[in-house]
């Protein structure tokens, strides 16, 4: 098939899943790849575009995962493809710390413009979300001359040693990999579905800050790091007022407020950044995933004075801000702005919430439907309770996979179905994918 041929936007199963070619490749994977690297589905991708992933056997799968929130602008987005092709023809690497190039500077300028707040900012580029989170902590420690870091229940921040310490869930992220970095403390999150109904955002913030005051103390605290909407932890959206109260406390106490927007950034939540919804302005904003249309890139963007604290040579890395990834990022940002993808995310939100809440009304195992934009989740529980049901989540996801719909699970308890469709998916494909999920849920009764 010619490379320029568009991917047909339809679910189409021509074999059972996995097909014979995928099964053959999976055997090769078992023989060549470390078993610790797992896969959600036993199929191998050959092409992708719009809302479809085509596997090596020719099956067309509806994509409700976006490579875990990465291909927000769509897979093989035309502007991204062309920008990468042009940059690859010029040069693929020089290392910005050796002979710099304009693309890195242009991405930094774009992030300084787009991230929350109109203050003077600076940006540093890295490769992965975990690497950016770790560098945000380095920057905060350098600026404040303090060491402690506060994170939250259900948090996920990465798989490096420091970010494993910051991540809440043991299996599969932390189990057997310790000891972990020290001076990391955990506070309770606002979790509206599981909190007492009397605990609003302000009350939840007081609860969290009381723990921080007692266990750490502002005089020892360099940074408070939080996902505005949690990702791996279960797409938990704190109650209104929680984030602003934390940010205000940080400002009053000389603590760097770090927003981990790795999964929520770049139009995913129906705002350019999730912090925008309540007007929260972080001191440092961490981005990755949707930043570059599928190429590895991440960033820390923040107040110029804070970002300028580390000494020259204290930040960087061989591949950080790779020229191909920078070209892709500029093209992805242009696509978001030119194609109205923030508004598109809100349209996806309306469609998904309407369909999922109708399912909830008919099924008492759907404990909660939550999220914003194209970042929506269903928390599954045992009937007439709030007891998590991870087995049901796995069963529903597996049934959807067998019918050609890429669906992911998450959550501290493993009982959350999460939906992260690319913003280029059609309403028809999205509705069909949700119909498959609804049928999968119904089949488990």
Protein backbone atom coordinates (compact mmCIF):
# COMPACT_ATOMS: atom_id res chain seq x y z
CA UNK A 1 0.00 0.00 0.00
CA UNK A 2 1.49 3.41 -0.92
CA UNK A 3 2.59 5.46 2.06
CA UNK A 4 0.36 8.38 1.08
CA UNK A 5 -2.83 6.30 0.94
CA UNK A 6 -5.11 7.42 3.79
CA UNK A 7 -6.07 4.86 6.39
CA UNK A 8 -9.70 3.82 5.90
CA UNK A 9 -11.67 5.14 8.88
CA UNK A 10 -13.63 2.02 9.71
CA UNK A 11 -13.40 -0.87 12.13
CA UNK A 12 -12.67 -3.99 10.11
CA UNK A 13 -11.69 -7.44 11.38
CA UNK A 14 -10.36 -9.77 8.71
CA UNK A 15 -8.88 -12.32 11.15
CA UNK A 16 -9.37 -13.29 14.75
CA UNK A 17 -7.19 -11.23 17.07
CA UNK A 18 -4.33 -11.83 17.11
CA UNK A 19 -3.98 -12.74 13.46
CA UNK A 20 -1.29 -15.11 12.20
CA UNK A 21 1.28 -12.44 11.40
CA UNK A 22 0.86 -10.80 14.82
CA UNK A 23 1.10 -14.21 16.50
CA UNK A 24 4.37 -14.85 14.64
CA UNK A 25 5.77 -11.48 15.70
CA UNK A 26 4.72 -12.08 19.29
CA UNK A 27 6.77 -15.28 19.30
CA UNK A 28 9.74 -13.27 18.06
CA UNK A 29 9.11 -10.71 20.80
CA UNK A 30 9.17 -13.46 23.45
CA UNK A 31 12.51 -14.65 22.08
CA UNK A 32 14.14 -11.22 21.76
CA UNK A 33 12.57 -8.69 24.14
CA UNK A 34 12.90 -8.62 27.91
CA UNK A 35 9.70 -10.06 29.41
CA UNK A 36 9.34 -7.06 31.71
CA UNK A 37 8.20 -5.07 28.67
CA UNK A 38 4.53 -6.01 28.45
CA UNK A 39 1.88 -5.21 25.86
CA UNK A 40 -1.80 -4.38 26.25
CA UNK A 41 -2.90 -6.14 23.05
CA UNK A 42 -1.26 -9.07 21.22
CA UNK A 43 -1.34 -7.32 17.83
CA UNK A 44 1.42 -5.50 15.97
CA UNK A 45 0.78 -2.16 14.31
CA UNK A 46 1.56 -1.57 10.65
CA UNK A 47 -0.09 1.80 9.97
CA UNK A 48 -2.24 4.32 11.79
CA UNK A 49 -4.13 7.52 11.12
CA UNK A 50 -7.24 9.38 12.22
CA UNK A 51 -8.95 7.13 14.73
CA UNK A 52 -7.68 3.81 13.35
CA UNK A 53 -4.67 1.54 13.95
CA UNK A 54 -4.09 -1.10 11.25
CA UNK A 55 -2.30 -4.24 12.36
CA UNK A 56 0.06 -6.42 10.31
CA UNK A 57 -2.80 -8.77 9.42
CA UNK A 58 -4.90 -5.96 7.94
CA UNK A 59 -7.31 -5.57 10.87
CA UNK A 60 -8.54 -2.01 11.43
CA UNK A 61 -8.84 -1.20 15.14
CA UNK A 62 -10.61 1.79 16.66
CA UNK A 63 -8.05 3.72 18.70
CA UNK A 64 -9.33 4.88 22.09
CA UNK A 65 -5.84 5.07 23.57
CA UNK A 66 -3.68 7.38 21.39
CA UNK A 67 -0.56 5.50 22.48
CA UNK A 68 -1.38 6.61 26.05
CA UNK A 69 -2.31 10.21 25.19
CA UNK A 70 0.59 10.78 22.78
CA UNK A 71 -0.98 10.99 19.32
CA UNK A 72 -3.42 13.72 20.30
CA UNK A 73 -3.20 15.36 16.86
CA UNK A 74 -3.64 11.95 15.23
CA UNK A 75 -1.14 9.35 14.16
CA UNK A 76 0.92 10.36 11.12
CA UNK A 77 -0.57 13.86 11.25
CA UNK A 78 0.26 15.50 7.89
CA UNK A 79 2.02 18.58 9.27
CA UNK A 80 4.06 16.43 11.66
CA UNK A 81 5.05 13.95 8.95
CA UNK A 82 6.16 16.69 6.57
CA UNK A 83 8.08 18.59 9.25
CA UNK A 84 9.96 15.46 10.34
CA UNK A 85 10.70 14.47 6.75
CA UNK A 86 12.14 17.93 6.01
CA UNK A 87 14.22 18.02 9.21
CA UNK A 88 15.56 14.49 8.65
CA UNK A 89 16.81 15.62 5.27
CA UNK A 90 18.70 18.48 6.88
CA UNK A 91 20.21 16.78 9.95
CA UNK A 92 19.04 14.35 12.62
CA UNK A 93 21.31 15.30 15.51
CA UNK A 94 24.09 17.62 16.59
CA UNK A 95 23.32 17.82 20.34
CA UNK A 96 21.95 21.20 21.36
CA UNK A 97 24.67 21.50 24.00
CA UNK A 98 27.36 21.23 21.30
CA UNK A 99 26.06 23.07 18.25
CA UNK A 100 22.57 24.42 18.94
CA UNK A 101 19.82 24.82 16.35
CA UNK A 102 16.77 27.03 15.88
CA UNK A 103 14.13 24.31 16.38
CA UNK A 104 14.93 23.93 20.08
CA UNK A 105 14.68 27.69 20.61
CA UNK A 106 11.40 27.87 18.66
CA UNK A 107 9.84 25.11 20.79
CA UNK A 108 10.95 26.90 23.96
CA UNK A 109 9.42 30.14 22.67
CA UNK A 110 6.15 28.35 21.89
CA UNK A 111 5.96 26.74 25.33
CA UNK A 112 6.77 30.03 27.04
CA UNK A 113 3.85 31.55 25.15
CA UNK A 114 1.33 28.72 25.61
CA UNK A 115 1.78 27.43 29.17
CA UNK A 116 -0.30 29.03 31.94
CA UNK A 117 0.60 32.55 33.05
CA UNK A 118 1.82 35.65 31.23
CA UNK A 119 4.99 36.12 33.31
CA UNK A 120 8.50 35.82 31.90
CA UNK A 121 9.39 32.15 31.39
CA UNK A 122 12.20 29.88 30.33
CA UNK A 123 12.09 26.28 29.04
CA UNK A 124 14.42 23.28 29.00
CA UNK A 125 13.77 20.27 26.76
CA UNK A 126 14.23 16.60 27.58
CA UNK A 127 13.10 13.20 26.24
CA UNK A 128 10.42 11.68 28.46
CA UNK A 129 7.86 12.72 31.01
CA UNK A 130 9.77 11.05 33.83
CA UNK A 131 12.97 12.83 32.84
CA UNK A 132 11.17 16.18 32.81
CA UNK A 133 9.58 15.57 36.22
CA UNK A 134 12.96 14.67 37.66
CA UNK A 135 14.49 17.83 36.23
CA UNK A 136 11.64 19.93 37.62
CA UNK A 137 12.56 18.63 41.07
CA UNK A 138 16.24 19.43 40.43
CA UNK A 139 15.31 22.97 39.40
CA UNK A 140 13.06 23.47 42.45
CA UNK A 141 15.75 22.19 44.81
CA UNK A 142 18.36 24.42 43.21
CA UNK A 143 16.09 27.46 43.50
CA UNK A 144 14.82 26.94 47.04
CA UNK A 145 17.93 25.30 48.54
CA UNK A 146 15.50 22.86 50.17
CA UNK A 147 15.18 19.12 49.59
CA UNK A 148 11.74 17.70 50.36
CA UNK A 149 9.13 16.96 47.68
CA UNK A 150 5.41 16.39 48.28
CA UNK A 151 3.32 14.28 45.91
CA UNK A 152 -0.17 12.81 46.25
CA UNK A 153 -2.07 9.59 46.70
CA UNK A 154 -2.67 7.74 43.39
CA UNK A 155 0.04 9.79 41.64
CA UNK A 156 2.05 8.56 38.69
CA UNK A 157 5.18 10.49 37.70
CA UNK A 158 7.41 7.95 35.93
CA UNK A 159 9.75 4.97 36.17
CA UNK A 160 13.14 6.51 37.01
CA UNK A 161 14.36 6.03 40.58
CA UNK A 162 13.18 9.43 41.79
CA UNK A 163 9.89 9.31 39.91
CA UNK A 164 9.20 5.78 41.13
CA UNK A 165 9.47 7.19 44.65
CA UNK A 166 7.00 9.88 43.60
CA UNK A 167 4.62 7.34 42.04
CA UNK A 168 2.05 5.84 44.39
CA UNK A 169 1.23 2.45 42.85
CA UNK A 170 3.52 -0.44 43.69
CA UNK A 171 2.70 -3.02 40.99
CA UNK A 172 3.86 -2.91 38.28
CA UNK A 173 5.81 0.33 38.60
CA UNK A 174 7.82 -0.05 41.83
CA UNK A 175 7.70 -3.64 43.00
CA UNK A 176 11.18 -5.05 43.58
CA UNK A 177 13.04 -1.98 42.32
CA UNK A 178 13.91 -0.20 45.57
CA UNK A 179 15.42 1.39 47.51
CA UNK A 180 14.03 4.63 46.16
CA UNK A 181 15.15 8.23 46.40
CA UNK A 182 14.51 9.88 49.74
CA UNK A 183 12.82 13.09 50.86
CA UNK A 184 9.58 12.27 49.02
CA UNK A 185 6.36 12.62 51.04
CA UNK A 186 2.77 11.80 50.15
CA UNK A 187 -0.38 13.78 50.88
CA UNK A 188 -4.06 12.85 50.42
CA UNK A 189 -5.70 13.82 47.15
CA UNK A 190 -9.17 15.18 46.55
CA UNK A 191 -11.04 12.15 45.14
CA UNK A 192 -14.70 13.19 44.83
CA UNK A 193 -16.04 9.69 44.12
CA UNK A 194 -14.44 8.26 47.27
CA UNK A 195 -14.37 11.29 49.56
CA UNK A 196 -17.13 12.00 52.02
CA UNK A 197 -19.62 14.33 50.32
CA UNK A 198 -18.84 17.03 52.87
CA UNK A 199 -15.23 17.21 51.66
CA UNK A 200 -15.20 19.84 48.93
CA UNK A 201 -12.07 21.12 47.19
CA UNK A 202 -11.20 23.60 49.92
CA UNK A 203 -11.69 21.03 52.68
CA UNK A 204 -9.61 18.47 50.79
CA UNK A 205 -6.84 21.04 50.39
CA UNK A 206 -6.88 21.78 54.12
CA UNK A 207 -6.65 18.04 54.80
CA UNK A 208 -3.67 17.67 52.48
CA UNK A 209 -1.86 20.76 53.75
CA UNK A 210 -2.33 19.66 57.34
CA UNK A 211 -0.44 16.48 56.49
CA UNK A 212 2.25 18.52 54.73
CA UNK A 213 2.65 20.87 57.69
CA UNK A 214 2.91 18.01 60.18
CA UNK A 215 5.09 15.60 58.21
CA UNK A 216 7.34 17.94 56.22
CA UNK A 217 6.99 21.64 56.98
CA UNK A 218 7.24 24.44 54.47
CA UNK A 219 10.72 25.32 55.70
CA UNK A 220 11.96 21.96 54.33
CA UNK A 221 9.80 21.71 51.22
CA UNK A 222 11.24 22.48 47.81
CA UNK A 223 8.30 21.49 45.61
CA UNK A 224 4.75 20.26 45.60
CA UNK A 225 4.16 18.18 42.45
CA UNK A 226 0.68 17.27 41.26
CA UNK A 227 -1.14 16.11 38.15
CA UNK A 228 -4.11 18.48 37.60
CA UNK A 229 -6.07 15.38 36.58
CA UNK A 230 -4.35 12.16 37.52
CA UNK A 231 -3.46 9.78 34.72
CA UNK A 232 -2.37 6.26 35.68
CA UNK A 233 -3.94 6.79 39.11
CA UNK A 234 -7.42 6.64 37.63
CA UNK A 235 -8.21 9.91 35.80
CA UNK A 236 -9.10 11.44 39.15
CA UNK A 237 -10.19 15.07 38.82
CA UNK A 238 -9.89 16.92 42.13
CA UNK A 239 -12.89 18.85 43.35
CA UNK A 240 -13.04 22.52 42.28
CA UNK A 241 -10.92 24.72 44.50
CA UNK A 242 -8.39 22.04 45.43
CA UNK A 243 -5.64 23.04 42.99
CA UNK A 244 -6.02 26.82 43.52
CA UNK A 245 -5.76 26.36 47.29
CA UNK A 246 -2.57 24.32 46.95
CA UNK A 247 -1.04 26.85 44.55
CA UNK A 248 -1.90 29.73 46.90
CA UNK A 249 -0.31 27.93 49.85
CA UNK A 250 2.84 27.29 47.84
CA UNK A 251 3.12 30.97 46.89
CA UNK A 252 2.66 32.03 50.51
CA UNK A 253 5.25 29.57 51.81
CA UNK A 254 8.09 29.74 49.28
CA UNK A 255 7.36 26.31 47.80
CA UNK A 256 7.59 25.65 44.04
CA UNK A 257 4.22 24.51 42.67
CA UNK A 258 4.85 21.99 39.87
CA UNK A 259 2.02 20.92 37.56
CA UNK A 260 2.70 17.56 35.91
CA UNK A 261 0.76 18.08 32.68
CA UNK A 262 2.44 15.15 30.92
CA UNK A 263 -0.86 13.42 30.19
CA UNK A 264 -3.24 16.37 30.42
CA UNK A 265 -1.38 18.89 28.26
CA UNK A 266 -1.84 20.03 24.68
CA UNK A 267 -5.64 20.19 24.31
CA UNK A 268 -6.26 16.75 25.81
CA UNK A 269 -8.67 18.01 28.50
CA UNK A 270 -10.56 20.59 26.44
CA UNK A 271 -8.18 23.35 27.46
CA UNK A 272 -4.68 23.79 26.18
CA UNK A 273 -3.53 22.79 29.68
CA UNK A 274 -5.67 21.34 32.45
CA UNK A 275 -4.59 24.08 34.89
CA UNK A 276 -6.27 26.63 32.63
CA UNK A 277 -9.77 25.52 33.69
CA UNK A 278 -9.44 27.06 37.16
CA UNK A 279 -6.89 29.71 36.23
CA UNK A 280 -4.11 27.99 38.17
CA UNK A 281 -0.65 29.29 37.22
CA UNK A 282 2.09 26.83 38.19
CA UNK A 283 5.63 27.90 38.93
CA UNK A 284 6.82 25.01 36.73
CA UNK A 285 4.81 23.13 34.11
CA UNK A 286 5.99 19.69 32.98
CA UNK A 287 4.92 18.49 29.54
CA UNK A 288 5.52 15.47 27.30
CA UNK A 289 3.28 12.88 25.54
CA UNK A 290 1.07 15.02 23.22
CA UNK A 291 3.79 17.62 22.72
CA UNK A 292 5.30 16.20 19.51
CA UNK A 293 2.80 14.03 17.67
CA UNK A 294 4.47 10.77 18.65
CA UNK A 295 8.15 11.68 18.79
CA UNK A 296 9.98 11.60 22.14
CA UNK A 297 10.12 15.08 23.66
CA UNK A 298 9.40 16.62 27.04
CA UNK A 299 9.86 19.98 28.69
CA UNK A 300 9.97 21.95 31.89
CA UNK A 301 8.65 25.49 31.47
CA UNK A 302 8.46 28.00 34.28
CA UNK A 303 9.17 31.30 35.89
CA UNK A 304 12.40 32.75 34.58
CA UNK A 305 13.89 33.25 38.03
CA UNK A 306 13.26 29.66 39.06
CA UNK A 307 14.40 28.17 35.75
CA UNK A 308 17.61 30.20 35.94
CA UNK A 309 18.64 28.77 39.30
CA UNK A 310 20.65 25.71 38.13
CA UNK A 311 24.26 26.38 37.14
CA UNK A 312 25.35 26.26 33.49
CA UNK A 313 25.68 22.62 32.49
CA UNK A 314 23.34 21.49 35.28
CA UNK A 315 20.49 20.79 32.86
CA UNK A 316 20.59 18.94 29.56
CA UNK A 317 21.20 15.56 28.01
CA UNK A 318 22.54 14.14 24.77
CA UNK A 319 19.17 13.79 23.05
CA UNK A 320 17.13 16.44 24.88
CA UNK A 321 15.31 18.57 22.32
CA UNK A 322 16.29 16.35 19.39
CA UNK A 323 15.81 18.30 16.12
CA UNK A 324 13.32 15.80 14.68
CA UNK A 325 11.21 15.96 17.84
CA UNK A 326 11.38 19.77 17.87
CA UNK A 327 10.17 19.92 14.27
CA UNK A 328 7.35 17.55 15.16
CA UNK A 329 6.40 19.63 18.21
CA UNK A 330 6.14 22.84 16.23
CA UNK A 331 3.96 21.07 13.68
CA UNK A 332 1.78 19.50 16.39
CA UNK A 333 1.28 22.90 18.06
CA UNK A 334 0.37 24.43 14.69
CA UNK A 335 -2.13 21.62 14.13
CA UNK A 336 -3.76 22.16 17.54
CA UNK A 337 -4.10 25.88 16.95
CA UNK A 338 -5.02 25.86 13.26
CA UNK A 339 -7.45 22.94 13.38
CA UNK A 340 -9.32 24.01 16.52
CA UNK A 341 -8.45 20.91 18.49
CA UNK A 342 -9.17 22.45 21.90
CA UNK A 343 -12.78 22.90 20.82
CA UNK A 344 -12.74 19.43 19.26
CA UNK A 345 -11.72 17.94 22.62
CA UNK A 346 -14.74 19.56 24.23
CA UNK A 347 -16.96 18.10 21.53
CA UNK A 348 -15.54 14.65 22.22
CA UNK A 349 -16.21 15.20 25.92
CA UNK A 350 -19.89 15.90 25.29
CA UNK A 351 -20.31 12.81 23.13
CA UNK A 352 -18.45 10.50 25.51
CA UNK A 353 -20.03 11.72 28.73
CA UNK A 354 -23.52 11.50 27.26
CA UNK A 355 -23.00 7.90 26.11
CA UNK A 356 -21.18 6.72 29.23
CA UNK A 357 -23.66 8.31 31.62
CA UNK A 358 -26.49 6.55 29.82
CA UNK A 359 -24.61 3.31 30.39
CA UNK A 360 -24.14 4.26 34.04
CA UNK A 361 -27.86 4.87 34.50
CA UNK A 362 -28.57 1.26 33.46
CA UNK A 363 -25.67 -0.49 35.21
CA UNK A 364 -24.95 -0.17 38.92
CA UNK A 365 -21.43 -1.52 38.38
CA UNK A 366 -20.48 1.81 36.77
CA UNK A 367 -19.63 3.68 39.95
CA UNK A 368 -18.35 6.88 38.39
CA UNK A 369 -17.98 8.56 35.01
CA UNK A 370 -15.50 11.43 35.08
CA UNK A 371 -12.93 13.44 33.20
CA UNK A 372 -12.66 16.32 30.77
CA UNK A 373 -12.13 16.69 27.06
CA UNK A 374 -10.78 13.53 25.45
CA UNK A 375 -9.60 12.21 28.82
CA UNK A 376 -12.59 10.33 30.21
CA UNK A 377 -12.83 7.39 32.60
CA UNK A 378 -15.32 4.88 33.96
CA UNK A 379 -14.69 3.48 37.44
CA UNK A 380 -16.12 -0.02 37.82
CA UNK A 381 -17.29 -1.33 41.19
CA UNK A 382 -19.19 -4.24 42.62
CA UNK A 383 -22.97 -3.77 42.38
CA UNK A 384 -24.50 -1.25 44.77
CA UNK A 385 -21.16 -0.42 46.39
CA UNK A 386 -17.94 1.52 45.90
CA UNK A 387 -15.78 -1.60 46.19
CA UNK A 388 -13.35 -1.64 43.24
CA UNK A 389 -13.80 -4.42 40.66
CA UNK A 390 -10.50 -4.77 38.77
CA UNK A 391 -11.49 -8.18 37.35
CA UNK A 392 -14.49 -6.60 35.63
CA UNK A 393 -12.31 -3.84 34.15
CA UNK A 394 -9.91 -6.43 32.74
CA UNK A 395 -12.77 -8.52 31.37
CA UNK A 396 -14.43 -5.57 29.64
CA UNK A 397 -11.15 -4.32 28.17
CA UNK A 398 -10.26 -7.78 26.87
CA UNK A 399 -13.69 -8.22 25.28
CA UNK A 400 -13.36 -4.81 23.59
CA UNK A 401 -9.89 -5.74 22.33
CA UNK A 402 -11.25 -8.91 20.76
CA UNK A 403 -13.78 -6.80 18.87
CA UNK A 404 -11.13 -4.43 17.54
CA UNK A 405 -11.30 -1.52 19.99
CA UNK A 406 -8.12 -0.36 21.75
CA UNK A 407 -9.13 0.35 25.34
CA UNK A 408 -6.86 0.93 28.34
CA UNK A 409 -7.26 0.37 32.06
CA UNK A 410 -5.71 2.27 34.95
CA UNK A 411 -6.20 3.22 38.57
CA UNK A 412 -4.59 2.36 41.87
CA UNK A 413 -7.12 -0.45 42.20
CA UNK A 414 -6.96 -1.44 38.51
CA UNK A 415 -10.71 -0.90 38.13
CA UNK A 416 -10.84 2.08 35.77
CA UNK A 417 -11.45 2.05 32.01
CA UNK A 418 -9.80 5.10 30.47
CA UNK A 419 -10.51 6.63 27.11
CA UNK A 420 -7.94 8.77 25.30
CA UNK A 421 -9.06 8.98 21.67
CA UNK A 422 -7.05 11.08 19.23
CA UNK A 423 -8.71 14.42 18.62
CA UNK A 424 -8.87 13.54 14.93
CA UNK A 425 -11.26 10.63 15.48
CA UNK A 426 -14.68 10.99 13.84
CA UNK A 427 -17.86 11.08 15.88
CA UNK A 428 -19.03 7.93 14.10
CA UNK A 429 -15.92 5.94 14.99
CA UNK A 430 -15.98 7.19 18.56
CA UNK A 431 -19.64 6.23 18.95
CA UNK A 432 -18.97 2.80 17.49
CA UNK A 433 -16.05 2.24 19.84
CA UNK A 434 -18.21 3.14 22.84
CA UNK A 435 -20.95 0.83 21.56
CA UNK A 436 -18.42 -2.02 21.56
CA UNK A 437 -17.37 -1.15 25.12
CA UNK A 438 -21.02 -1.02 26.21
CA UNK A 439 -21.66 -4.43 24.63
CA UNK A 440 -18.55 -5.81 26.33
CA UNK A 441 -19.81 -4.53 29.68
CA UNK A 442 -23.25 -5.97 29.03
CA UNK A 443 -21.80 -9.37 28.17
CA UNK A 444 -20.28 -9.67 31.65
CA UNK A 445 -23.62 -9.72 33.47
